[in-house]
Amino acid sequence: MDIKILKNSKDEIEVEVGDLTIAEILRVYLNKDPSVIFAAWKKEHPTKNPVLRIKTKGKTVKKSINDAINSITKELGRIDNDFKKLK
């Protein structure tokens, strides 16, 4: 998956994400974090990749993204285990 950083600072980042599903999942989990002030994606045209913008206060953007990815990974692991139990 391609990720292109368009804007980067300690408390704000704008990245072009190659997959809309990843952008949406990250948006949902980032918005669960109380230190994230703003997390949303936009897609200017159907042929363009979505751009995810994140703004934080009290925590760096990098830390917020890492926390969101860790939460996603843990939840996917639980889902995977639940499906394995069904066999």
PDB file of N, CA and C in Angstrom:
ATOM      1  N   MET A   1       0.841  -1.169   0.000  1.00  0.00           N
ATOM      2  CA  MET A   1       0.000   0.000   0.000  1.00  0.00           C
ATOM      3  C   MET A   1       0.891   1.238   0.000  1.00  0.00           C
ATOM      4  N   ASP A   2       0.531   2.171  -0.834  1.00  0.00           N
ATOM      5  CA  ASP A   2       1.291   3.415  -0.926  1.00  0.00           C
ATOM      6  C   ASP A   2       0.761   4.449   0.058  1.00  0.00           C
ATOM      7  N   ILE A   3       1.688   5.109   0.750  1.00  0.00           N
ATOM      8  CA  ILE A   3       1.350   6.223   1.630  1.00  0.00           C
ATOM      9  C   ILE A   3       2.289   7.360   1.279  1.00  0.00           C
ATOM     10  N   LYS A   4       1.707   8.515   1.012  1.00  0.00           N
ATOM     11  CA  LYS A   4       2.501   9.682   0.655  1.00  0.00           C
ATOM     12  C   LYS A   4       2.204  10.787   1.669  1.00  0.00           C
ATOM     13  N   ILE A   5       3.238  11.254   2.363  1.00  0.00           N
ATOM     14  CA  ILE A   5       3.070  12.318   3.352  1.00  0.00           C
ATOM     15  C   ILE A   5       3.025  13.650   2.624  1.00  0.00           C
ATOM     16  N   LEU A   6       1.919  14.370   2.826  1.00  0.00           N
ATOM     17  CA  LEU A   6       1.741  15.664   2.182  1.00  0.00           C
ATOM     18  C   LEU A   6       2.092  16.816   3.122  1.00  0.00           C
ATOM     19  N   LYS A   7       1.829  16.628   4.415  1.00  0.00           N
ATOM     20  CA  LYS A   7       2.103  17.652   5.428  1.00  0.00           C
ATOM     21  C   LYS A   7       2.433  16.911   6.712  1.00  0.00           C
ATOM     22  N   ASN A   8       3.460  17.385   7.426  1.00  0.00           N
ATOM     23  CA  ASN A   8       3.877  16.678   8.627  1.00  0.00           C
ATOM     24  C   ASN A   8       4.424  17.652   9.655  1.00  0.00           C
ATOM     25  N   SER A   9       3.822  17.639  10.844  1.00  0.00           N
ATOM     26  CA  SER A   9       4.349  18.378  11.983  1.00  0.00           C
ATOM     27  C   SER A   9       4.093  17.545  13.228  1.00  0.00           C
ATOM     28  N   LYS A  10       4.468  18.057  14.376  1.00  0.00           N
ATOM     29  CA  LYS A  10       4.336  17.301  15.617  1.00  0.00           C
ATOM     30  C   LYS A  10       2.884  16.940  15.920  1.00  0.00           C
ATOM     31  N   ASP A  11       1.980  17.877  15.696  1.00  0.00           N
ATOM     32  CA  ASP A  11       0.583  17.642  16.069  1.00  0.00           C
ATOM     33  C   ASP A  11      -0.390  17.613  14.891  1.00  0.00           C
ATOM     34  N   GLU A  12       0.124  17.563  13.678  1.00  0.00           N
ATOM     35  CA  GLU A  12      -0.759  17.503  12.509  1.00  0.00           C
ATOM     36  C   GLU A  12      -0.058  16.793  11.351  1.00  0.00           C
ATOM     37  N   ILE A  13      -0.829  15.964  10.659  1.00  0.00           N
ATOM     38  CA  ILE A  13      -0.289  15.258   9.504  1.00  0.00           C
ATOM     39  C   ILE A  13      -1.377  15.131   8.450  1.00  0.00           C
ATOM     40  N   GLU A  14      -0.963  15.137   7.215  1.00  0.00           N
ATOM     41  CA  GLU A  14      -1.850  14.912   6.091  1.00  0.00           C
ATOM     42  C   GLU A  14      -1.161  13.893   5.185  1.00  0.00           C
ATOM     43  N   VAL A  15      -1.813  12.748   4.975  1.00  0.00           N
ATOM     44  CA  VAL A  15      -1.224  11.687   4.170  1.00  0.00           C
ATOM     45  C   VAL A  15      -2.201  11.208   3.108  1.00  0.00           C
ATOM     46  N   GLU A  16      -1.644  10.911   1.955  1.00  0.00           N
ATOM     47  CA  GLU A  16      -2.432  10.289   0.889  1.00  0.00           C
ATOM     48  C   GLU A  16      -2.291   8.784   1.063  1.00  0.00           C
ATOM     49  N   VAL A  17      -3.425   8.128   1.255  1.00  0.00           N
ATOM     50  CA  VAL A  17      -3.448   6.690   1.525  1.00  0.00           C
ATOM     51  C   VAL A  17      -3.933   5.970   0.281  1.00  0.00           C
ATOM     52  N   GLY A  18      -3.286   4.867  -0.068  1.00  0.00           N
ATOM     53  CA  GLY A  18      -3.621   4.148  -1.288  1.00  0.00           C
ATOM     54  C   GLY A  18      -4.888   3.321  -1.218  1.00  0.00           C
ATOM     55  N   ASP A  19      -5.517   3.236  -0.044  1.00  0.00           N
ATOM     56  CA  ASP A  19      -6.683   2.384   0.121  1.00  0.00           C
ATOM     57  C   ASP A  19      -7.722   3.084   0.989  1.00  0.00           C
ATOM     58  N   LEU A  20      -8.928   3.210   0.483  1.00  0.00           N
ATOM     59  CA  LEU A  20     -10.009   3.891   1.204  1.00  0.00           C
ATOM     60  C   LEU A  20     -10.393   3.147   2.478  1.00  0.00           C
ATOM     61  N   THR A  21     -10.362   1.830   2.441  1.00  0.00           N
ATOM     62  CA  THR A  21     -10.727   1.038   3.620  1.00  0.00           C
ATOM     63  C   THR A  21      -9.769   1.321   4.775  1.00  0.00           C
ATOM     64  N   ILE A  22      -8.487   1.377   4.490  1.00  0.00           N
ATOM     65  CA  ILE A  22      -7.492   1.669   5.535  1.00  0.00           C
ATOM     66  C   ILE A  22      -7.711   3.067   6.091  1.00  0.00           C
ATOM     67  N   ALA A  23      -7.963   4.035   5.226  1.00  0.00           N
ATOM     68  CA  ALA A  23      -8.216   5.407   5.674  1.00  0.00           C
ATOM     69  C   ALA A  23      -9.418   5.462   6.602  1.00  0.00           C
ATOM     70  N   GLU A  24     -10.480   4.748   6.272  1.00  0.00           N
ATOM     71  CA  GLU A  24     -11.694   4.761   7.095  1.00  0.00           C
ATOM     72  C   GLU A  24     -11.481   4.062   8.429  1.00  0.00           C
ATOM     73  N   ILE A  25     -10.817   2.921   8.427  1.00  0.00           N
ATOM     74  CA  ILE A  25     -10.555   2.217   9.685  1.00  0.00           C
ATOM     75  C   ILE A  25      -9.684   3.075  10.604  1.00  0.00           C
ATOM     76  N   LEU A  26      -8.648   3.678  10.056  1.00  0.00           N
ATOM     77  CA  LEU A  26      -7.794   4.563  10.869  1.00  0.00           C
ATOM     78  C   LEU A  26      -8.592   5.743  11.410  1.00  0.00           C
ATOM     79  N   ARG A  27      -9.438   6.330  10.597  1.00  0.00           N
ATOM     80  CA  ARG A  27     -10.263   7.461  11.035  1.00  0.00           C
ATOM     81  C   ARG A  27     -11.118   7.073  12.231  1.00  0.00           C
ATOM     82  N   VAL A  28     -11.764   5.922  12.149  1.00  0.00           N
ATOM     83  CA  VAL A  28     -12.642   5.467  13.231  1.00  0.00           C
ATOM     84  C   VAL A  28     -11.848   5.292  14.524  1.00  0.00           C
ATOM     85  N   TYR A  29     -10.727   4.599  14.463  1.00  0.00           N
ATOM     86  CA  TYR A  29      -9.943   4.339  15.669  1.00  0.00           C
ATOM     87  C   TYR A  29      -9.256   5.592  16.195  1.00  0.00           C
ATOM     88  N   LEU A  30      -8.823   6.466  15.310  1.00  0.00           N
ATOM     89  CA  LEU A  30      -8.212   7.718  15.765  1.00  0.00           C
ATOM     90  C   LEU A  30      -9.227   8.587  16.501  1.00  0.00           C
ATOM     91  N   ASN A  31     -10.469   8.603  16.038  1.00  0.00           N
ATOM     92  CA  ASN A  31     -11.489   9.419  16.689  1.00  0.00           C
ATOM     93  C   ASN A  31     -11.906   8.882  18.053  1.00  0.00           C
ATOM     94  N   LYS A  32     -11.502   7.674  18.399  1.00  0.00           N
ATOM     95  CA  LYS A  32     -11.742   7.126  19.740  1.00  0.00           C
ATOM     96  C   LYS A  32     -10.738   7.683  20.748  1.00  0.00           C
ATOM     97  N   ASP A  33      -9.641   8.222  20.272  1.00  0.00           N
ATOM     98  CA  ASP A  33      -8.567   8.752  21.115  1.00  0.00           C
ATOM     99  C   ASP A  33      -8.915  10.181  21.538  1.00  0.00           C
ATOM    100  N   PRO A  34      -9.010  10.441  22.842  1.00  0.00           N
ATOM    101  CA  PRO A  34      -9.380  11.796  23.291  1.00  0.00           C
ATOM    102  C   PRO A  34      -8.359  12.882  22.943  1.00  0.00           C
ATOM    103  N   SER A  35      -7.116  12.502  22.643  1.00  0.00           N
ATOM    104  CA  SER A  35      -6.118  13.512  22.287  1.00  0.00           C
ATOM    105  C   SER A  35      -6.182  13.882  20.806  1.00  0.00           C
ATOM    106  N   VAL A  36      -6.980  13.160  20.030  1.00  0.00           N
ATOM    107  CA  VAL A  36      -7.146  13.481  18.611  1.00  0.00           C
ATOM    108  C   VAL A  36      -8.270  14.504  18.481  1.00  0.00           C
ATOM    109  N   ILE A  37      -7.913  15.674  17.992  1.00  0.00           N
ATOM    110  CA  ILE A  37      -8.877  16.760  17.806  1.00  0.00           C
ATOM    111  C   ILE A  37      -9.663  16.561  16.516  1.00  0.00           C
ATOM    112  N   PHE A  38      -8.967  16.085  15.488  1.00  0.00           N
ATOM    113  CA  PHE A  38      -9.578  15.955  14.172  1.00  0.00           C
ATOM    114  C   PHE A  38      -8.948  14.786  13.438  1.00  0.00           C
ATOM    115  N   ALA A  39      -9.782  13.925  12.883  1.00  0.00           N
ATOM    116  CA  ALA A  39      -9.308  12.832  12.028  1.00  0.00           C
ATOM    117  C   ALA A  39     -10.387  12.582  10.986  1.00  0.00           C
ATOM    118  N   ALA A  40     -10.068  12.851   9.754  1.00  0.00           N
ATOM    119  CA  ALA A  40     -11.030  12.663   8.665  1.00  0.00           C
ATOM    120  C   ALA A  40     -10.272  12.472   7.366  1.00  0.00           C
ATOM    121  N   TRP A  41     -10.949  11.874   6.414  1.00  0.00           N
ATOM    122  CA  TRP A  41     -10.365  11.721   5.081  1.00  0.00           C
ATOM    123  C   TRP A  41     -11.265  12.399   4.075  1.00  0.00           C
ATOM    124  N   LYS A  42     -10.669  12.765   2.950  1.00  0.00           N
ATOM    125  CA  LYS A  42     -11.444  13.336   1.841  1.00  0.00           C
ATOM    126  C   LYS A  42     -10.923  12.720   0.555  1.00  0.00           C
ATOM    127  N   LYS A  43     -11.797  12.657  -0.393  1.00  0.00           N
ATOM    128  CA  LYS A  43     -11.435  12.120  -1.694  1.00  0.00           C
ATOM    129  C   LYS A  43     -11.994  13.104  -2.719  1.00  0.00           C
ATOM    130  N   GLU A  44     -11.103  13.845  -3.334  1.00  0.00           N
ATOM    131  CA  GLU A  44     -11.530  14.921  -4.222  1.00  0.00           C
ATOM    132  C   GLU A  44     -12.140  14.432  -5.524  1.00  0.00           C
ATOM    133  N   HIS A  45     -11.776  13.233  -5.948  1.00  0.00           N
ATOM    134  CA  HIS A  45     -12.294  12.688  -7.206  1.00  0.00           C
ATOM    135  C   HIS A  45     -12.206  11.167  -7.129  1.00  0.00           C
ATOM    136  N   PRO A  46     -13.142  10.442  -7.738  1.00  0.00           N
ATOM    137  CA  PRO A  46     -13.087   8.969  -7.670  1.00  0.00           C
ATOM    138  C   PRO A  46     -11.778   8.348  -8.174  1.00  0.00           C
ATOM    139  N   THR A  47     -11.069   9.042  -9.024  1.00  0.00           N
ATOM    140  CA  THR A  47      -9.804   8.503  -9.530  1.00  0.00           C
ATOM    141  C   THR A  47      -8.614   8.831  -8.630  1.00  0.00           C
ATOM    142  N   LYS A  48      -8.830   9.658  -7.617  1.00  0.00           N
ATOM    143  CA  LYS A  48      -7.755  10.068  -6.702  1.00  0.00           C
ATOM    144  C   LYS A  48      -7.793   9.233  -5.426  1.00  0.00           C
ATOM    145  N   ASN A  49      -6.647   9.095  -4.785  1.00  0.00           N
ATOM    146  CA  ASN A  49      -6.560   8.411  -3.499  1.00  0.00           C
ATOM    147  C   ASN A  49      -7.089   9.312  -2.393  1.00  0.00           C
ATOM    148  N   PRO A  50      -7.627   8.728  -1.317  1.00  0.00           N
ATOM    149  CA  PRO A  50      -8.090   9.542  -0.200  1.00  0.00           C
ATOM    150  C   PRO A  50      -6.921  10.187   0.539  1.00  0.00           C
ATOM    151  N   VAL A  51      -7.192  11.347   1.106  1.00  0.00           N
ATOM    152  CA  VAL A  51      -6.201  12.062   1.913  1.00  0.00           C
ATOM    153  C   VAL A  51      -6.723  12.086   3.346  1.00  0.00           C
ATOM    154  N   LEU A  52      -5.938  11.529   4.265  1.00  0.00           N
ATOM    155  CA  LEU A  52      -6.292  11.461   5.677  1.00  0.00           C
ATOM    156  C   LEU A  52      -5.581  12.590   6.411  1.00  0.00           C
ATOM    157  N   ARG A  53      -6.372  13.393   7.149  1.00  0.00           N
ATOM    158  CA  ARG A  53      -5.813  14.506   7.928  1.00  0.00           C
ATOM    159  C   ARG A  53      -6.075  14.236   9.399  1.00  0.00           C
ATOM    160  N   ILE A  54      -5.028  14.372  10.202  1.00  0.00           N
ATOM    161  CA  ILE A  54      -5.112  14.095  11.629  1.00  0.00           C
ATOM    162  C   ILE A  54      -4.485  15.259  12.388  1.00  0.00           C
ATOM    163  N   LYS A  55      -5.181  15.715  13.425  1.00  0.00           N
ATOM    164  CA  LYS A  55      -4.665  16.784  14.281  1.00  0.00           C
ATOM    165  C   LYS A  55      -4.847  16.348  15.728  1.00  0.00           C
ATOM    166  N   THR A  56      -3.789  16.528  16.537  1.00  0.00           N
ATOM    167  CA  THR A  56      -3.822  16.098  17.933  1.00  0.00           C
ATOM    168  C   THR A  56      -3.479  17.249  18.878  1.00  0.00           C
ATOM    169  N   LYS A  57      -3.783  17.007  20.159  1.00  0.00           N
ATOM    170  CA  LYS A  57      -3.398  17.947  21.213  1.00  0.00           C
ATOM    171  C   LYS A  57      -3.028  17.114  22.435  1.00  0.00           C
ATOM    172  N   GLY A  58      -1.823  17.299  22.931  1.00  0.00           N
ATOM    173  CA  GLY A  58      -1.372  16.576  24.108  1.00  0.00           C
ATOM    174  C   GLY A  58      -0.619  15.291  23.802  1.00  0.00           C
ATOM    175  N   LYS A  59      -0.641  14.865  22.576  1.00  0.00           N
ATOM    176  CA  LYS A  59       0.054  13.655  22.145  1.00  0.00           C
ATOM    177  C   LYS A  59       0.497  13.891  20.706  1.00  0.00           C
ATOM    178  N   THR A  60       1.642  13.351  20.346  1.00  0.00           N
ATOM    179  CA  THR A  60       2.092  13.534  18.968  1.00  0.00           C
ATOM    180  C   THR A  60       1.199  12.737  18.015  1.00  0.00           C
ATOM    181  N   VAL A  61       1.149  13.186  16.786  1.00  0.00           N
ATOM    182  CA  VAL A  61       0.379  12.491  15.764  1.00  0.00           C
ATOM    183  C   VAL A  61       0.914  11.082  15.571  1.00  0.00           C
ATOM    184  N   LYS A  62       2.217  10.941  15.561  1.00  0.00           N
ATOM    185  CA  LYS A  62       2.835   9.623  15.371  1.00  0.00           C
ATOM    186  C   LYS A  62       2.394   8.656  16.466  1.00  0.00           C
ATOM    187  N   LYS A  63       2.377   9.106  17.715  1.00  0.00           N
ATOM    188  CA  LYS A  63       1.944   8.268  18.841  1.00  0.00           C
ATOM    189  C   LYS A  63       0.475   7.893  18.689  1.00  0.00           C
ATOM    190  N   SER A  64      -0.355   8.840  18.274  1.00  0.00           N
ATOM    191  CA  SER A  64      -1.780   8.564  18.085  1.00  0.00           C
ATOM    192  C   SER A  64      -2.005   7.525  16.993  1.00  0.00           C
ATOM    193  N   ILE A  65      -1.279   7.638  15.902  1.00  0.00           N
ATOM    194  CA  ILE A  65      -1.401   6.673  14.809  1.00  0.00           C
ATOM    195  C   ILE A  65      -0.931   5.295  15.276  1.00  0.00           C
ATOM    196  N   ASN A  66       0.196   5.250  15.981  1.00  0.00           N
ATOM    197  CA  ASN A  66       0.694   3.960  16.496  1.00  0.00           C
ATOM    198  C   ASN A  66      -0.302   3.324  17.455  1.00  0.00           C
ATOM    199  N   ASP A  67      -0.907   4.125  18.324  1.00  0.00           N
ATOM    200  CA  ASP A  67      -1.905   3.605  19.257  1.00  0.00           C
ATOM    201  C   ASP A  67      -3.119   3.053  18.508  1.00  0.00           C
ATOM    202  N   ALA A  68      -3.570   3.773  17.479  1.00  0.00           N
ATOM    203  CA  ALA A  68      -4.716   3.314  16.689  1.00  0.00           C
ATOM    204  C   ALA A  68      -4.387   2.004  15.983  1.00  0.00           C
ATOM    205  N   ILE A  69      -3.206   1.907  15.405  1.00  0.00           N
ATOM    206  CA  ILE A  69      -2.802   0.683  14.704  1.00  0.00           C
ATOM    207  C   ILE A  69      -2.706  -0.481  15.687  1.00  0.00           C
ATOM    208  N   ASN A  70      -2.182  -0.228  16.882  1.00  0.00           N
ATOM    209  CA  ASN A  70      -2.110  -1.289  17.897  1.00  0.00           C
ATOM    210  C   ASN A  70      -3.504  -1.758  18.305  1.00  0.00           C
ATOM    211  N   SER A  71      -4.437  -0.833  18.455  1.00  0.00           N
ATOM    212  CA  SER A  71      -5.816  -1.197  18.807  1.00  0.00           C
ATOM    213  C   SER A  71      -6.463  -2.021  17.700  1.00  0.00           C
ATOM    214  N   ILE A  72      -6.249  -1.615  16.461  1.00  0.00           N
ATOM    215  CA  ILE A  72      -6.788  -2.353  15.316  1.00  0.00           C
ATOM    216  C   ILE A  72      -6.207  -3.767  15.284  1.00  0.00           C
ATOM    217  N   THR A  73      -4.910  -3.871  15.469  1.00  0.00           N
ATOM    218  CA  THR A  73      -4.234  -5.165  15.439  1.00  0.00           C
ATOM    219  C   THR A  73      -4.758  -6.089  16.537  1.00  0.00           C
ATOM    220  N   LYS A  74      -4.943  -5.557  17.749  1.00  0.00           N
ATOM    221  CA  LYS A  74      -5.459  -6.366  18.858  1.00  0.00           C
ATOM    222  C   LYS A  74      -6.874  -6.842  18.556  1.00  0.00           C
ATOM    223  N   GLU A  75      -7.712  -5.966  18.047  1.00  0.00           N
ATOM    224  CA  GLU A  75      -9.087  -6.347  17.755  1.00  0.00           C
ATOM    225  C   GLU A  75      -9.151  -7.389  16.633  1.00  0.00           C
ATOM    226  N   LEU A  76      -8.321  -7.221  15.624  1.00  0.00           N
ATOM    227  CA  LEU A  76      -8.274  -8.219  14.547  1.00  0.00           C
ATOM    228  C   LEU A  76      -7.799  -9.572  15.075  1.00  0.00           C
ATOM    229  N   GLY A  77      -6.870  -9.557  16.023  1.00  0.00           N
ATOM    230  CA  GLY A  77      -6.403 -10.794  16.642  1.00  0.00           C
ATOM    231  C   GLY A  77      -7.524 -11.490  17.401  1.00  0.00           C
ATOM    232  N   ARG A  78      -8.327 -10.720  18.131  1.00  0.00           N
ATOM    233  CA  ARG A  78      -9.465 -11.296  18.855  1.00  0.00           C
ATOM    234  C   ARG A  78     -10.486 -11.883  17.875  1.00  0.00           C
ATOM    235  N   ILE A  79     -10.750 -11.162  16.791  1.00  0.00           N
ATOM    236  CA  ILE A  79     -11.690 -11.656  15.778  1.00  0.00           C
ATOM    237  C   ILE A  79     -11.162 -12.944  15.157  1.00  0.00           C
ATOM    238  N   ASP A  80      -9.883 -12.969  14.853  1.00  0.00           N
ATOM    239  CA  ASP A  80      -9.264 -14.158  14.277  1.00  0.00           C
ATOM    240  C   ASP A  80      -9.411 -15.345  15.225  1.00  0.00           C
ATOM    241  N   ASN A  81      -9.157 -15.134  16.507  1.00  0.00           N
ATOM    242  CA  ASN A  81      -9.295 -16.216  17.495  1.00  0.00           C
ATOM    243  C   ASN A  81     -10.738 -16.691  17.588  1.00  0.00           C
ATOM    244  N   ASP A  82     -11.686 -15.791  17.553  1.00  0.00           N
ATOM    245  CA  ASP A  82     -13.097 -16.160  17.597  1.00  0.00           C
ATOM    246  C   ASP A  82     -13.470 -17.036  16.405  1.00  0.00           C
ATOM    247  N   PHE A  83     -12.984 -16.690  15.227  1.00  0.00           N
ATOM    248  CA  PHE A  83     -13.275 -17.500  14.039  1.00  0.00           C
ATOM    249  C   PHE A  83     -12.606 -18.860  14.104  1.00  0.00           C
ATOM    250  N   LYS A  84     -11.424 -18.920  14.684  1.00  0.00           N
ATOM    251  CA  LYS A  84     -10.724 -20.206  14.817  1.00  0.00           C
ATOM    252  C   LYS A  84     -11.471 -21.135  15.755  1.00  0.00           C
ATOM    253  N   LYS A  85     -12.139 -20.573  16.749  1.00  0.00           N
ATOM    254  CA  LYS A  85     -12.922 -21.377  17.696  1.00  0.00           C
ATOM    255  C   LYS A  85     -14.147 -21.997  17.028  1.00  0.00           C
ATOM    256  N   LEU A  86     -14.615 -21.401  15.953  1.00  0.00           N
ATOM    257  CA  LEU A  86     -15.798 -21.899  15.261  1.00  0.00           C
ATOM    258  C   LEU A  86     -15.545 -23.195  14.512  1.00  0.00           C
ATOM    259  N   LYS A  87     -14.289 -23.498  14.203  1.00  0.00           N
ATOM    260  CA  LYS A  87     -13.958 -24.689  13.417  1.00  0.00           C
ATOM    261  C   LYS A  87     -14.181 -25.959  14.185  1.00  0.00           C
TER     262      LYS A  87
END
